[in-house]
C-alpha cells in the first residue's frame, strides 16, 4: 500500500514527482557507496561495449548511423575512435552496452537501466559541457527512475510483448537528459509526456533471433534526448503520461494493467537507492536463465553428458515465453542472440562445459552436434517455488541412464541484492570483457578514467572512451 505522502504524489502526478526528484538531486545528496557503485556499473557497461566492438552487429550499426549522421559529431562512440551527433551516439553506445546481453538488470523492474542511462548521460553531458559529478548524478537519477517505472508493471510488459528496457528507458532518459540540459521541473514533466509517444520495444525478436533488442536502450536514450530538447523549446507534452486513460500502463499493459501498482513509481525516491539493488550479470545471457546456468555448471563435474537420459529445468512461469518457447526453436538457436534466450541450449552448455562465456555463443558452439544432442534432452517445467521477480530462481534436475537423479537449485541468482557481485568482481569482469575487443593499454586507460575519485568531465570522458 502507498504511504500517505505517496498517495499525495500520485494525485499531483508521477511525472511531476519524478521531475522534482531529477532537478533536486545533487551529488552531495547521494551516499558515497551509491556514487562509487554507480561508477562500477558504468565500468561494467563500458567493458561490455568494448567487447561488443569485436562483433559484426557493432560495425553494421555504426555504418548505418554514420550514413544518417554525415560527417563529424561531438560525442564519442565507445571503443571506435569515432564521434557522432549526440542522438546517434546515444543509439550506438546503447547498442554496444546492451549488444551482448551482459549488462546490469534491476530484477524487480525487469529492466536494464545502465544501457540507456549511461549513453544518455554521456551524450547530454557533452551537449551541456557538464562536469563529471553532474554526469554521474544524472546517470543515477536515470537508474532510480527506470527501476521504479519498471517495477510498477510487475512483469506485465513482458507478458504483453514489450521489452521494458525500451519502454521505460525512454522516460528515465528524459530525466537524465533534462537534468543535464538544465530543464526546470515543468519542462521535465512535459518532456515525459512527449516521451509517451516515443516509448517502444517489441519482443518479436524472440521468434527468430533478430537484432532489434540490441537497439532498444539506445533508441530510448535518443528518445529521451529528443523529448527533453523539445520540451526546453516549449513543445507541450501530455500531462498524465503514466496514469492517463491512454498513458503508459493503461495503453501498454493491456489485460495486465490491473496488476500495476503506480505507487511504486515514486516509492522511496531519494531515500532508498535502487542502484544498490541492481544486479550485475555473471553470464552473457538473458538474466532469466542465470539460475539454471549456475545450477547446470554446479552439476557438470558430477556427470558425463553422454550418460544423461533427460534434464528438467525449473523456471518461473512468467519467463517461459521468453526463454523456453517455442521449444523446438530454443533447442536449435539460429544465432548467438537466439542462444542467449534459450534454456535448453544454455543448460546444455553448463552441463557439458562447466562454464558459460562469450566463446559459447560462437557459430562453432551453435553447431556442435554433441551439445545440440544434449539440448534435445533438456525440457522445462514451471518452478512452483520461484522467487520471481525479486529473484530469478532456477533448478536443474538430471536423470542419468542408470536411473540416478541429481539436482541443484539456485533460489537466489548470483548478482541479486542478497548475493551481490563485489566491486572487485566487476573490475575483473570489465577487464575480461574489454580485453575481448581492445588491447591492454586501452583496457587500463579506460578503467583509470572511469574509476577516478573525481569523475571525468563529459568531454574528456567522451573522447577517452572513443580512444
Protein backbone atom coordinates (compact mmCIF):
# COMPACT_ATOMS: atom_id res chain seq x y z
CA UNK A 1 0.00 0.00 0.00
CA UNK A 2 1.28 3.50 -0.74
CA UNK A 3 2.23 5.75 2.15
CA UNK A 4 0.27 8.96 2.71
CA UNK A 5 2.93 11.08 1.02
CA UNK A 6 2.98 8.72 -1.95
CA UNK A 7 -0.79 8.98 -2.30
CA UNK A 8 -0.43 12.74 -2.42
CA UNK A 9 2.29 12.33 -5.03
CA UNK A 10 0.01 10.26 -7.24
CA UNK A 11 -2.63 12.98 -7.03
CA UNK A 12 -0.12 15.57 -8.25
CA UNK A 13 1.17 13.25 -10.96
CA UNK A 14 4.06 10.81 -11.26
CA UNK A 15 5.74 12.89 -13.94
CA UNK A 16 5.82 15.90 -11.64
CA UNK A 17 7.27 13.94 -8.75
CA UNK A 18 9.95 12.39 -10.94
CA UNK A 19 10.75 15.80 -12.39
CA UNK A 20 11.19 17.24 -8.92
CA UNK A 21 13.48 14.37 -7.95
CA UNK A 22 15.60 14.89 -11.07
CA UNK A 23 16.00 18.63 -10.54
CA UNK A 24 16.54 18.48 -6.77
CA UNK A 25 19.06 15.63 -6.59
CA UNK A 26 22.67 16.76 -6.31
CA UNK A 27 25.97 14.91 -5.97
CA UNK A 28 26.10 15.53 -2.23
CA UNK A 29 22.59 14.08 -1.75
CA UNK A 30 23.78 10.65 -2.89
CA UNK A 31 25.60 8.39 -0.41
CA UNK A 32 29.27 7.71 -1.15
CA UNK A 33 28.71 3.97 -1.60
CA UNK A 34 25.99 4.61 -4.19
CA UNK A 35 28.18 7.01 -6.16
CA UNK A 36 31.07 4.55 -6.11
CA UNK A 37 28.84 1.66 -7.12
CA UNK A 38 27.48 3.80 -9.95
CA UNK A 39 30.99 4.26 -11.33
CA UNK A 40 31.44 0.48 -11.29
CA UNK A 41 28.14 -0.07 -13.12
CA UNK A 42 29.33 2.38 -15.78
CA UNK A 43 32.64 0.48 -15.93
CA UNK A 44 30.75 -2.79 -16.37
CA UNK A 45 28.68 -1.36 -19.24
CA UNK A 46 31.79 0.06 -20.88
CA UNK A 47 33.58 -3.29 -20.74
CA UNK A 48 30.62 -4.90 -22.47
CA UNK A 49 30.62 -2.11 -25.06
CA UNK A 50 34.31 -2.67 -25.77
CA UNK A 51 33.73 -6.41 -26.17
CA UNK A 52 30.81 -5.68 -28.50
CA UNK A 53 33.14 -3.86 -30.90
CA UNK A 54 34.55 -7.26 -31.88
CA UNK A 55 31.16 -8.43 -33.20
CA UNK A 56 29.61 -7.86 -36.61
CA UNK A 57 26.49 -6.14 -35.28
CA UNK A 58 28.62 -3.25 -33.99
CA UNK A 59 30.14 -2.46 -37.37
CA UNK A 60 26.83 -2.74 -39.19
CA UNK A 61 25.07 -0.49 -36.70
CA UNK A 62 27.81 2.11 -36.91
CA UNK A 63 27.77 2.03 -40.71
CA UNK A 64 24.04 2.73 -40.78
CA UNK A 65 24.24 5.54 -38.24
CA UNK A 66 27.23 7.18 -39.94
CA UNK A 67 25.30 7.27 -43.20
CA UNK A 68 22.48 9.11 -41.44
CA UNK A 69 24.74 11.38 -39.42
CA UNK A 70 27.01 12.60 -42.17
CA UNK A 71 30.44 13.99 -41.33
CA UNK A 72 31.54 14.82 -37.83
CA UNK A 73 29.97 14.73 -34.41
CA UNK A 74 30.59 15.75 -30.82
CA UNK A 75 30.09 12.53 -28.84
CA UNK A 76 32.49 9.58 -28.85
CA UNK A 77 31.48 6.05 -29.78
CA UNK A 78 32.88 3.67 -27.19
CA UNK A 79 35.94 1.83 -28.49
CA UNK A 80 35.53 3.02 -32.07
CA UNK A 81 37.67 6.18 -32.47
CA UNK A 82 34.58 7.78 -33.99
CA UNK A 83 32.36 10.69 -32.99
CA UNK A 84 28.67 11.11 -33.89
CA UNK A 85 25.98 13.70 -33.21
CA UNK A 86 24.50 13.26 -29.71
CA UNK A 87 21.37 11.28 -30.58
CA UNK A 88 23.20 8.97 -32.99
CA UNK A 89 25.99 8.44 -30.46
CA UNK A 90 23.41 7.61 -27.78
CA UNK A 91 21.86 4.98 -30.06
CA UNK A 92 25.24 3.50 -30.95
CA UNK A 93 26.56 3.40 -27.40
CA UNK A 94 23.29 1.87 -26.21
CA UNK A 95 23.64 -0.88 -28.80
CA UNK A 96 27.21 -1.55 -27.65
CA UNK A 97 26.35 -1.58 -23.94
CA UNK A 98 23.39 -3.94 -24.45
CA UNK A 99 24.59 -5.84 -27.52
CA UNK A 100 25.86 -8.93 -25.70
CA UNK A 101 23.00 -9.08 -23.17
CA UNK A 102 25.62 -8.92 -20.44
CA UNK A 103 24.57 -5.62 -18.84
CA UNK A 104 23.05 -4.95 -15.45
CA UNK A 105 19.43 -5.71 -14.57
CA UNK A 106 17.12 -4.34 -11.92
CA UNK A 107 15.33 -7.57 -11.07
CA UNK A 108 12.10 -6.11 -9.70
CA UNK A 109 11.77 -3.73 -12.63
CA UNK A 110 12.93 -6.37 -15.13
CA UNK A 111 14.85 -3.58 -16.83
CA UNK A 112 18.45 -2.92 -17.95
CA UNK A 113 18.89 0.64 -16.63
CA UNK A 114 22.51 1.48 -17.43
CA UNK A 115 22.32 0.72 -21.16
CA UNK A 116 20.00 3.73 -21.57
CA UNK A 117 21.04 5.96 -18.68
CA UNK A 118 24.77 6.00 -19.39
CA UNK A 119 24.61 6.69 -23.17
CA UNK A 120 22.10 9.46 -22.42
CA UNK A 121 24.30 10.96 -19.70
CA UNK A 122 27.35 10.86 -21.96
CA UNK A 123 25.59 12.47 -24.94
CA UNK A 124 23.61 15.07 -22.99
CA UNK A 125 26.65 15.75 -20.83
CA UNK A 126 28.71 16.64 -23.89
CA UNK A 127 25.86 18.82 -25.20
CA UNK A 128 25.81 20.70 -21.88
CA UNK A 129 29.56 20.78 -21.25
CA UNK A 130 28.85 19.06 -17.93
CA UNK A 131 31.37 18.19 -15.25
CA UNK A 132 31.88 14.59 -14.15
CA UNK A 133 29.87 14.84 -10.95
CA UNK A 134 26.87 16.12 -12.90
CA UNK A 135 27.16 13.25 -15.40
CA UNK A 136 27.26 10.57 -12.70
CA UNK A 137 24.46 12.23 -10.71
CA UNK A 138 22.19 12.36 -13.77
CA UNK A 139 23.02 8.73 -14.55
CA UNK A 140 21.99 7.71 -11.03
CA UNK A 141 18.71 9.63 -11.36
CA UNK A 142 18.01 7.67 -14.55
CA UNK A 143 18.70 4.31 -12.90
CA UNK A 144 16.44 5.15 -9.97
CA UNK A 145 13.59 6.12 -12.29
CA UNK A 146 13.95 3.14 -14.62
CA UNK A 147 13.94 0.67 -11.74
CA UNK A 148 10.75 2.10 -10.27
CA UNK A 149 8.86 2.61 -13.53
CA UNK A 150 9.64 -0.98 -14.48
CA UNK A 151 8.62 -2.29 -11.06
CA UNK A 152 5.15 -0.76 -11.43
CA UNK A 153 4.32 -3.29 -14.17
CA UNK A 154 5.33 -6.35 -12.10
CA UNK A 155 6.48 -8.19 -15.21
CA UNK A 156 3.36 -7.27 -17.17
CA UNK A 157 5.22 -5.62 -20.04
CA UNK A 158 6.94 -8.89 -20.90
CA UNK A 159 3.69 -10.83 -20.78
CA UNK A 160 2.11 -8.44 -23.29
CA UNK A 161 5.14 -8.47 -25.61
CA UNK A 162 7.02 -5.28 -24.75
CA UNK A 163 10.66 -5.07 -23.69
CA UNK A 164 10.58 -2.90 -20.54
CA UNK A 165 14.07 -1.51 -21.14
CA UNK A 166 12.97 0.10 -24.39
CA UNK A 167 9.68 1.27 -22.96
CA UNK A 168 10.57 2.75 -19.57
CA UNK A 169 14.06 3.69 -20.77
CA UNK A 170 12.57 6.49 -22.84
CA UNK A 171 11.15 8.09 -19.69
CA UNK A 172 14.19 7.58 -17.48
CA UNK A 173 16.37 9.01 -20.26
CA UNK A 174 14.22 12.15 -20.26
CA UNK A 175 15.18 12.71 -16.62
CA UNK A 176 18.88 12.18 -17.36
CA UNK A 177 18.90 14.49 -20.37
CA UNK A 178 16.58 17.04 -18.79
CA UNK A 179 18.74 17.35 -15.71
CA UNK A 180 21.96 17.80 -17.69
CA UNK A 181 20.40 20.21 -20.17
CA UNK A 182 19.12 22.42 -17.35
CA UNK A 183 15.37 21.96 -17.72
CA UNK A 184 13.13 23.00 -14.84
CA UNK A 185 10.51 20.78 -13.21
CA UNK A 186 7.69 21.89 -15.50
CA UNK A 187 9.78 21.23 -18.61
CA UNK A 188 10.93 17.80 -17.43
CA UNK A 189 7.35 16.85 -16.57
CA UNK A 190 6.24 17.91 -20.06
CA UNK A 191 9.16 16.02 -21.63
CA UNK A 192 7.91 12.80 -20.05
CA UNK A 193 4.58 13.46 -21.73
CA UNK A 194 6.40 13.83 -25.04
CA UNK A 195 8.30 10.58 -24.47
CA UNK A 196 4.98 8.74 -24.15
CA UNK A 197 4.70 8.96 -27.94
CA UNK A 198 8.24 7.59 -28.37
CA UNK A 199 8.47 4.65 -25.97
CA UNK A 200 8.84 1.32 -27.77
CA UNK A 201 10.42 -2.13 -27.77
CA UNK A 202 8.86 -5.31 -29.17
CA UNK A 203 9.77 -8.82 -28.02
CA UNK A 204 9.24 -10.23 -31.52
CA UNK A 205 13.00 -10.78 -31.73
CA UNK A 206 12.43 -13.89 -29.61
CA UNK A 207 10.88 -15.66 -32.59
CA UNK A 208 13.92 -15.54 -34.87
CA UNK A 209 16.96 -14.11 -33.09
CA UNK A 210 16.58 -10.68 -34.72
CA UNK A 211 18.99 -7.96 -33.62
CA UNK A 212 16.28 -5.49 -32.63
CA UNK A 213 16.54 -5.94 -28.85
CA UNK A 214 20.07 -4.56 -29.07
CA UNK A 215 18.59 -1.32 -30.38
CA UNK A 216 16.06 -0.73 -27.62
CA UNK A 217 18.19 1.01 -24.93
CA UNK A 218 19.92 3.33 -27.38
CA UNK A 219 16.66 4.19 -29.10
CA UNK A 220 15.22 5.02 -25.66
CA UNK A 221 18.24 7.24 -24.97
CA UNK A 222 17.75 9.11 -28.25
CA UNK A 223 14.04 9.49 -27.46
CA UNK A 224 14.85 10.95 -24.06
CA UNK A 225 17.28 13.47 -25.52
CA UNK A 226 14.78 14.43 -28.21
CA UNK A 227 11.89 14.84 -25.78
CA UNK A 228 14.00 16.92 -23.39
CA UNK A 229 15.19 19.21 -26.18
CA UNK A 230 11.66 19.70 -27.48
CA UNK A 231 10.34 20.47 -24.01
CA UNK A 232 13.11 23.00 -23.41
CA UNK A 233 11.98 24.76 -26.59
CA UNK A 234 8.38 24.91 -25.33
CA UNK A 235 6.86 21.86 -27.03
CA UNK A 236 3.91 20.66 -24.95
CA UNK A 237 3.63 17.04 -23.80
CA UNK A 238 0.79 15.01 -22.28
CA UNK A 239 0.15 15.85 -18.63
CA UNK A 240 -0.56 12.31 -17.38
CA UNK A 241 1.88 10.07 -19.27
CA UNK A 242 1.74 7.29 -16.68
CA UNK A 243 -1.74 7.41 -15.13
CA UNK A 244 -3.77 8.71 -18.08
CA UNK A 245 -6.51 6.84 -19.91
CA UNK A 246 -4.04 6.15 -22.72
CA UNK A 247 -0.96 6.56 -20.55
CA UNK A 248 1.93 4.14 -20.32
CA UNK A 249 0.41 1.49 -18.08
CA UNK A 250 -3.14 1.54 -19.43
CA UNK A 251 -2.07 1.51 -23.07
CA UNK A 252 0.97 -0.77 -22.90
CA UNK A 253 -0.17 -3.42 -20.43
CA UNK A 254 -3.50 -4.47 -21.92
CA UNK A 255 -5.23 -7.04 -19.75
CA UNK A 256 -2.29 -6.92 -17.33
CA UNK A 257 -2.91 -3.31 -16.34
CA UNK A 258 -4.91 -4.26 -13.25
CA UNK A 259 -1.74 -5.71 -11.71
CA UNK A 260 0.18 -2.43 -11.97
CA UNK A 261 1.00 -0.62 -8.73
CA UNK A 262 1.52 3.06 -9.55
CA UNK A 263 2.77 3.87 -6.06
CA UNK A 264 5.99 2.01 -6.86
CA UNK A 265 6.92 4.67 -9.43
CA UNK A 266 7.94 7.11 -6.70
CA UNK A 267 8.33 4.89 -3.64
CA UNK A 268 11.42 5.79 -1.63
CA UNK A 269 12.84 8.31 -4.11
CA UNK A 270 15.96 9.86 -2.60
CA UNK A 271 15.75 7.54 0.42
CA UNK A 272 16.19 4.04 -0.98
CA UNK A 273 18.75 3.73 -3.79
CA UNK A 274 17.65 1.06 -6.24
CA UNK A 275 21.03 1.15 -7.96
CA UNK A 276 22.30 -0.83 -4.97
CA UNK A 277 19.69 -3.50 -5.79
CA UNK A 278 20.57 -3.66 -9.48
CA UNK A 279 22.25 -6.92 -10.42
CA UNK A 280 25.49 -7.27 -12.36
CA UNK A 281 25.32 -10.22 -14.73
CA UNK A 282 27.79 -13.09 -14.36
CA UNK A 283 26.75 -14.56 -17.74
CA UNK A 284 26.24 -13.11 -21.22
CA UNK A 285 22.66 -14.35 -21.46
CA UNK A 286 19.13 -13.32 -20.58
CA UNK A 287 19.01 -12.82 -16.82
CA UNK A 288 16.02 -15.17 -16.59
CA UNK A 289 18.34 -18.09 -17.42
CA UNK A 290 21.05 -17.43 -14.84
CA UNK A 291 19.72 -19.58 -12.02
CA UNK A 292 19.58 -22.61 -14.30
CA UNK A 293 23.00 -21.88 -15.82
CA UNK A 294 24.62 -21.75 -12.39
CA UNK A 295 22.81 -24.93 -11.36
CA UNK A 296 23.96 -26.73 -14.52
CA UNK A 297 27.56 -25.63 -14.00
CA UNK A 298 27.48 -26.86 -10.41
CA UNK A 299 26.30 -30.29 -11.63
CA UNK A 300 28.74 -30.51 -14.53
CA UNK A 301 31.56 -32.04 -12.52
CA UNK A 302 29.32 -34.87 -11.34
CA UNK A 303 28.09 -36.17 -14.71
CA UNK A 304 29.29 -37.22 -18.12
CA UNK A 305 26.97 -35.65 -20.69
CA UNK A 306 26.86 -38.93 -22.61
CA UNK A 307 25.27 -40.63 -19.59
CA UNK A 308 22.41 -38.11 -19.30
CA UNK A 309 18.99 -39.51 -20.19
CA UNK A 310 16.95 -36.35 -19.65
CA UNK A 311 17.14 -32.95 -17.95
CA UNK A 312 14.38 -30.89 -16.36
CA UNK A 313 14.92 -27.16 -15.95
CA UNK A 314 12.58 -25.44 -13.50
CA UNK A 315 11.94 -21.79 -14.34
CA UNK A 316 9.50 -19.07 -13.20
CA UNK A 317 6.16 -19.25 -15.02
CA UNK A 318 6.49 -15.62 -16.09
CA UNK A 319 9.66 -16.25 -18.15
CA UNK A 320 8.56 -19.36 -20.07
CA UNK A 321 7.54 -17.47 -23.24
CA UNK A 322 10.89 -15.65 -23.27
CA UNK A 323 13.43 -18.42 -22.68
CA UNK A 324 11.60 -21.73 -23.19
CA UNK A 325 9.16 -21.44 -26.09
CA UNK A 326 8.82 -22.49 -28.81
CA UNK A 327 10.86 -25.41 -27.52
CA UNK A 328 11.98 -26.64 -30.97
CA UNK A 329 13.47 -23.23 -31.76
CA UNK A 330 15.13 -22.99 -28.37
CA UNK A 331 16.86 -26.33 -28.89
CA UNK A 332 18.30 -25.11 -32.20
CA UNK A 333 19.27 -21.45 -31.73
CA UNK A 334 19.65 -19.72 -35.09
CA UNK A 335 22.39 -17.37 -33.92
CA UNK A 336 24.16 -16.13 -30.81
CA UNK A 337 21.30 -13.88 -29.75
CA UNK A 338 18.84 -16.73 -30.05
CA UNK A 339 21.15 -18.83 -27.87
CA UNK A 340 21.20 -16.18 -25.14
CA UNK A 341 17.45 -16.67 -24.68
CA UNK A 342 17.44 -20.48 -24.75
CA UNK A 343 17.14 -22.54 -21.57
CA UNK A 344 17.81 -25.84 -23.42
CA UNK A 345 20.98 -24.56 -25.07
CA UNK A 346 22.37 -22.72 -22.04
CA UNK A 347 21.68 -25.58 -19.63
CA UNK A 348 23.39 -27.94 -22.08
CA UNK A 349 26.42 -25.64 -22.21
CA UNK A 350 26.62 -25.50 -18.42
CA UNK A 351 26.32 -29.27 -18.01
CA UNK A 352 28.73 -30.20 -20.78
CA UNK A 353 31.38 -27.49 -20.44
CA UNK A 354 31.11 -26.36 -16.81
CA UNK A 355 31.04 -22.70 -17.88
CA UNK A 356 29.15 -20.16 -19.96
CA UNK A 357 31.04 -17.38 -21.72
CA UNK A 358 31.20 -15.39 -24.91
CA UNK A 359 33.05 -18.23 -26.64
CA UNK A 360 29.99 -20.44 -26.11
CA UNK A 361 27.97 -18.13 -28.34
CA UNK A 362 30.16 -18.57 -31.40
CA UNK A 363 28.97 -20.40 -34.51
CA UNK A 364 31.15 -23.42 -33.74
CA UNK A 365 29.29 -23.91 -30.47
CA UNK A 366 25.88 -23.37 -32.00
CA UNK A 367 26.55 -26.21 -34.44
CA UNK A 368 28.31 -28.60 -32.01
CA UNK A 369 26.43 -31.91 -32.53
CA UNK A 370 27.16 -33.22 -29.02
CA UNK A 371 25.93 -30.01 -27.45
CA UNK A 372 22.78 -29.97 -29.56
CA UNK A 373 22.13 -33.60 -28.73
CA UNK A 374 22.18 -32.70 -25.05
CA UNK A 375 19.93 -29.68 -25.66
CA UNK A 376 17.39 -32.08 -27.18
CA UNK A 377 17.23 -33.81 -23.81
CA UNK A 378 16.52 -30.62 -21.86
CA UNK A 379 12.86 -29.92 -21.03
CA UNK A 380 11.39 -27.16 -18.90
CA UNK A 381 8.80 -27.06 -16.13
CA UNK A 382 7.24 -24.21 -14.18
CA UNK A 383 9.03 -23.76 -10.86
CA UNK A 384 6.48 -23.97 -8.03
CA UNK A 385 8.91 -22.33 -5.58
CA UNK A 386 10.01 -19.48 -7.82
CA UNK A 387 11.13 -16.22 -6.24
CA UNK A 388 10.36 -14.17 -9.36
CA UNK A 389 10.54 -11.21 -9.83
CA UNK A 390 12.60 -10.47 -6.72
CA UNK A 391 14.91 -13.32 -7.67
CA UNK A 392 15.36 -15.20 -10.93
CA UNK A 393 15.28 -18.68 -9.43
CA UNK A 394 16.25 -21.83 -11.28
CA UNK A 395 16.69 -25.56 -10.69
CA UNK A 396 18.19 -28.30 -12.84
CA UNK A 397 17.30 -31.98 -12.36
CA UNK A 398 19.41 -34.52 -14.24
CA UNK A 399 18.33 -38.13 -14.75
CA UNK A 400 21.12 -40.49 -15.80
CA UNK A 401 20.78 -43.64 -17.90
CA UNK A 402 21.28 -45.82 -14.81
CA UNK A 403 18.34 -44.16 -13.04
CA UNK A 404 20.40 -41.90 -10.81
CA UNK A 405 18.94 -38.43 -10.30
CA UNK A 406 20.98 -35.34 -9.47
CA UNK A 407 19.59 -31.89 -8.77
CA UNK A 408 20.81 -28.40 -7.97
CA UNK A 409 18.74 -25.36 -7.05
CA UNK A 410 19.64 -21.67 -7.16
CA UNK A 411 16.84 -19.92 -5.30
CA UNK A 412 18.61 -16.55 -5.40
CA UNK A 413 20.55 -15.85 -8.57
CA UNK A 414 24.09 -14.51 -8.33
CA UNK A 415 24.14 -10.73 -8.67
CA UNK A 416 20.86 -10.23 -6.82
CA UNK A 417 20.95 -7.91 -3.82
CA UNK A 418 21.24 -10.88 -1.44
CA UNK A 419 24.13 -12.37 -3.49
CA UNK A 420 25.83 -9.26 -4.84
CA UNK A 421 28.82 -9.22 -7.12
CA UNK A 422 31.50 -7.08 -5.49
CA UNK A 423 33.15 -4.03 -6.99
CA UNK A 424 36.37 -6.02 -7.32
CA UNK A 425 34.49 -8.71 -9.25
CA UNK A 426 33.02 -6.03 -11.51
CA UNK A 427 36.53 -4.81 -12.29
CA UNK A 428 37.60 -8.36 -13.14
CA UNK A 429 34.57 -8.79 -15.39
CA UNK A 430 35.31 -5.46 -17.07
CA UNK A 431 38.91 -6.40 -17.74
CA UNK A 432 37.97 -9.76 -19.27
CA UNK A 433 35.28 -8.24 -21.45
CA UNK A 434 37.26 -5.20 -22.55
CA UNK A 435 40.25 -7.35 -23.50
CA UNK A 436 37.95 -9.24 -25.86
CA UNK A 437 37.64 -6.13 -28.02
CA UNK A 438 40.67 -3.87 -27.44
CA UNK A 439 44.33 -4.09 -26.43
CA UNK A 440 45.53 -4.00 -22.83
CA UNK A 441 46.69 -0.38 -22.98
CA UNK A 442 43.14 0.76 -23.70
CA UNK A 443 41.72 -1.58 -21.06
CA UNK A 444 43.94 0.00 -18.40
CA UNK A 445 43.38 3.58 -19.56
CA UNK A 446 39.58 3.33 -19.62
CA UNK A 447 39.48 1.69 -16.19
CA UNK A 448 41.53 4.53 -14.74
CA UNK A 449 39.34 7.11 -16.48
CA UNK A 450 36.06 5.69 -15.15
CA UNK A 451 37.11 4.97 -11.57
CA UNK A 452 38.64 8.33 -10.67
CA UNK A 453 37.69 9.72 -7.28
CA UNK A 454 36.62 12.87 -9.12
CA UNK A 455 34.73 11.70 -12.21
CA UNK A 456 35.98 12.88 -15.60
CA UNK A 457 34.15 15.74 -17.28
CA UNK A 458 31.75 14.76 -20.08
CA UNK A 459 34.04 15.93 -22.89
CA UNK A 460 37.09 14.14 -21.55
CA UNK A 461 35.03 11.03 -20.89
CA UNK A 462 33.57 11.07 -24.39
CA UNK A 463 36.96 11.45 -26.07
CA UNK A 464 38.64 8.95 -23.75
CA UNK A 465 36.10 6.20 -24.35
CA UNK A 466 36.32 6.69 -28.10
CA UNK A 467 40.05 6.10 -27.93
